[in-house]
Amino acid sequence: MFMIKFILPIVVFIAAVYGISYFWTNSGSKGKKMISLGLLICLTMGISLTTYLIFD
């Protein structure tokens, strides 16, 4: 269980960074705008969820 808590998030993070960079280099202007918008929405949701869970 210890390995899953620490290794899995690192592997998921590395895979996400690799996937985003791959799609970023292979997409045009419209694709880059969609990736940026999606990442902005995910970041906003993550920050608000973290804030909610900390203060609740």
N, C-alpha and C. Protein backbone atom coordinates (compact mmCIF):
# COMPACT_ATOMS: atom_id res chain seq x y z
N MET A 1 0.83 -1.20 0.00
CA MET A 1 0.00 0.00 0.00
C MET A 1 0.87 1.25 0.00
N PHE A 2 2.00 1.18 0.69
CA PHE A 2 2.91 2.32 0.75
C PHE A 2 3.41 2.70 -0.63
N MET A 3 3.71 1.70 -1.46
CA MET A 3 4.24 1.97 -2.80
C MET A 3 3.18 2.64 -3.67
N ILE A 4 1.92 2.24 -3.53
CA ILE A 4 0.85 2.80 -4.34
C ILE A 4 0.64 4.27 -4.00
N LYS A 5 0.75 4.63 -2.73
CA LYS A 5 0.52 6.02 -2.33
C LYS A 5 1.57 6.97 -2.89
N PHE A 6 2.80 6.53 -3.04
CA PHE A 6 3.87 7.42 -3.45
C PHE A 6 4.34 7.22 -4.88
N ILE A 7 4.37 6.00 -5.36
CA ILE A 7 4.87 5.72 -6.70
C ILE A 7 3.82 6.05 -7.76
N LEU A 8 2.57 5.67 -7.51
CA LEU A 8 1.51 5.88 -8.51
C LEU A 8 1.30 7.35 -8.86
N PRO A 9 1.22 8.29 -7.91
CA PRO A 9 1.08 9.70 -8.31
C PRO A 9 2.25 10.22 -9.12
N ILE A 10 3.47 9.76 -8.81
CA ILE A 10 4.64 10.19 -9.57
C ILE A 10 4.56 9.68 -11.00
N VAL A 11 4.19 8.43 -11.16
CA VAL A 11 4.06 7.84 -12.50
C VAL A 11 2.96 8.54 -13.29
N VAL A 12 1.84 8.82 -12.65
CA VAL A 12 0.73 9.51 -13.33
C VAL A 12 1.16 10.92 -13.73
N PHE A 13 1.88 11.61 -12.87
CA PHE A 13 2.35 12.96 -13.18
C PHE A 13 3.31 12.95 -14.37
N ILE A 14 4.25 12.02 -14.38
CA ILE A 14 5.21 11.94 -15.49
C ILE A 14 4.48 11.61 -16.79
N ALA A 15 3.53 10.70 -16.75
CA ALA A 15 2.75 10.35 -17.94
C ALA A 15 1.93 11.53 -18.43
N ALA A 16 1.35 12.30 -17.50
CA ALA A 16 0.55 13.46 -17.89
C ALA A 16 1.43 14.52 -18.54
N VAL A 17 2.60 14.78 -17.97
CA VAL A 17 3.51 15.78 -18.56
C VAL A 17 3.97 15.34 -19.93
N TYR A 18 4.32 14.06 -20.08
CA TYR A 18 4.75 13.55 -21.38
C TYR A 18 3.61 13.64 -22.40
N GLY A 19 2.41 13.27 -21.99
CA GLY A 19 1.26 13.32 -22.91
C GLY A 19 0.93 14.74 -23.33
N ILE A 20 0.94 15.67 -22.38
CA ILE A 20 0.64 17.06 -22.71
C ILE A 20 1.70 17.63 -23.64
N SER A 21 2.96 17.35 -23.38
CA SER A 21 4.02 17.88 -24.25
C SER A 21 3.95 17.26 -25.64
N TYR A 22 3.59 15.99 -25.71
CA TYR A 22 3.45 15.33 -27.02
C TYR A 22 2.32 15.96 -27.83
N PHE A 23 1.15 16.12 -27.20
CA PHE A 23 0.03 16.72 -27.91
C PHE A 23 0.28 18.19 -28.22
N TRP A 24 1.02 18.89 -27.34
CA TRP A 24 1.31 20.31 -27.56
C TRP A 24 2.16 20.50 -28.81
N THR A 25 3.19 19.65 -28.98
CA THR A 25 4.08 19.80 -30.13
C THR A 25 3.41 19.36 -31.42
N ASN A 26 2.44 18.46 -31.34
CA ASN A 26 1.80 17.94 -32.55
C ASN A 26 0.47 18.61 -32.88
N SER A 27 0.13 19.69 -32.20
CA SER A 27 -1.15 20.33 -32.47
C SER A 27 -0.93 21.72 -33.06
N GLY A 28 -1.97 22.21 -33.71
CA GLY A 28 -1.92 23.55 -34.30
C GLY A 28 -2.35 24.60 -33.29
N SER A 29 -2.66 25.76 -33.80
CA SER A 29 -3.03 26.88 -32.94
C SER A 29 -4.32 26.60 -32.18
N LYS A 30 -5.32 26.04 -32.89
CA LYS A 30 -6.60 25.75 -32.24
C LYS A 30 -6.45 24.67 -31.18
N GLY A 31 -5.65 23.66 -31.46
CA GLY A 31 -5.41 22.60 -30.49
C GLY A 31 -4.70 23.10 -29.25
N LYS A 32 -3.75 24.02 -29.43
CA LYS A 32 -3.04 24.58 -28.28
C LYS A 32 -3.97 25.41 -27.42
N LYS A 33 -4.91 26.11 -28.04
CA LYS A 33 -5.89 26.88 -27.27
C LYS A 33 -6.79 25.95 -26.47
N MET A 34 -7.19 24.82 -27.06
CA MET A 34 -8.04 23.86 -26.35
C MET A 34 -7.28 23.20 -25.18
N ILE A 35 -6.02 22.86 -25.40
CA ILE A 35 -5.21 22.28 -24.33
C ILE A 35 -5.05 23.28 -23.19
N SER A 36 -4.77 24.53 -23.53
CA SER A 36 -4.61 25.57 -22.51
C SER A 36 -5.89 25.77 -21.72
N LEU A 37 -7.01 25.80 -22.41
CA LEU A 37 -8.30 25.97 -21.74
C LEU A 37 -8.60 24.79 -20.82
N GLY A 38 -8.35 23.59 -21.28
CA GLY A 38 -8.57 22.40 -20.46
C GLY A 38 -7.69 22.39 -19.23
N LEU A 39 -6.41 22.75 -19.39
CA LEU A 39 -5.51 22.78 -18.24
C LEU A 39 -5.91 23.86 -17.26
N LEU A 40 -6.38 25.00 -17.75
CA LEU A 40 -6.83 26.08 -16.88
C LEU A 40 -8.05 25.65 -16.07
N ILE A 41 -8.99 24.97 -16.71
CA ILE A 41 -10.18 24.48 -16.01
C ILE A 41 -9.79 23.44 -14.96
N CYS A 42 -8.91 22.52 -15.31
CA CYS A 42 -8.47 21.49 -14.35
C CYS A 42 -7.74 22.12 -13.17
N LEU A 43 -6.90 23.10 -13.43
CA LEU A 43 -6.18 23.77 -12.36
C LEU A 43 -7.14 24.50 -11.43
N THR A 44 -8.11 25.20 -11.99
CA THR A 44 -9.10 25.91 -11.18
C THR A 44 -9.91 24.94 -10.33
N MET A 45 -10.35 23.84 -10.93
CA MET A 45 -11.12 22.85 -10.18
C MET A 45 -10.27 22.21 -9.08
N GLY A 46 -9.01 21.93 -9.37
CA GLY A 46 -8.13 21.33 -8.38
C GLY A 46 -7.88 22.24 -7.20
N ILE A 47 -7.65 23.52 -7.48
CA ILE A 47 -7.42 24.48 -6.39
C ILE A 47 -8.68 24.65 -5.56
N SER A 48 -9.83 24.77 -6.19
CA SER A 48 -11.06 24.96 -5.43
C SER A 48 -11.41 23.70 -4.62
N LEU A 49 -11.18 22.52 -5.18
CA LEU A 49 -11.44 21.28 -4.44
C LEU A 49 -10.49 21.14 -3.26
N THR A 50 -9.23 21.47 -3.45
CA THR A 50 -8.26 21.41 -2.36
C THR A 50 -8.64 22.39 -1.25
N THR A 51 -9.02 23.60 -1.62
CA THR A 51 -9.43 24.60 -0.64
C THR A 51 -10.66 24.14 0.11
N TYR A 52 -11.61 23.56 -0.60
CA TYR A 52 -12.83 23.05 0.03
C TYR A 52 -12.52 21.94 1.02
N LEU A 53 -11.64 21.01 0.63
CA LEU A 53 -11.33 19.89 1.50
C LEU A 53 -10.49 20.31 2.72
N ILE A 54 -9.67 21.35 2.56
CA ILE A 54 -8.87 21.81 3.68
C ILE A 54 -9.75 22.50 4.73
N PHE A 55 -10.66 23.36 4.28
CA PHE A 55 -11.45 24.15 5.21
C PHE A 55 -12.75 23.48 5.66
N ASP A 56 -13.09 22.36 5.09
CA ASP A 56 -14.32 21.68 5.50
C ASP A 56 -14.07 20.71 6.63
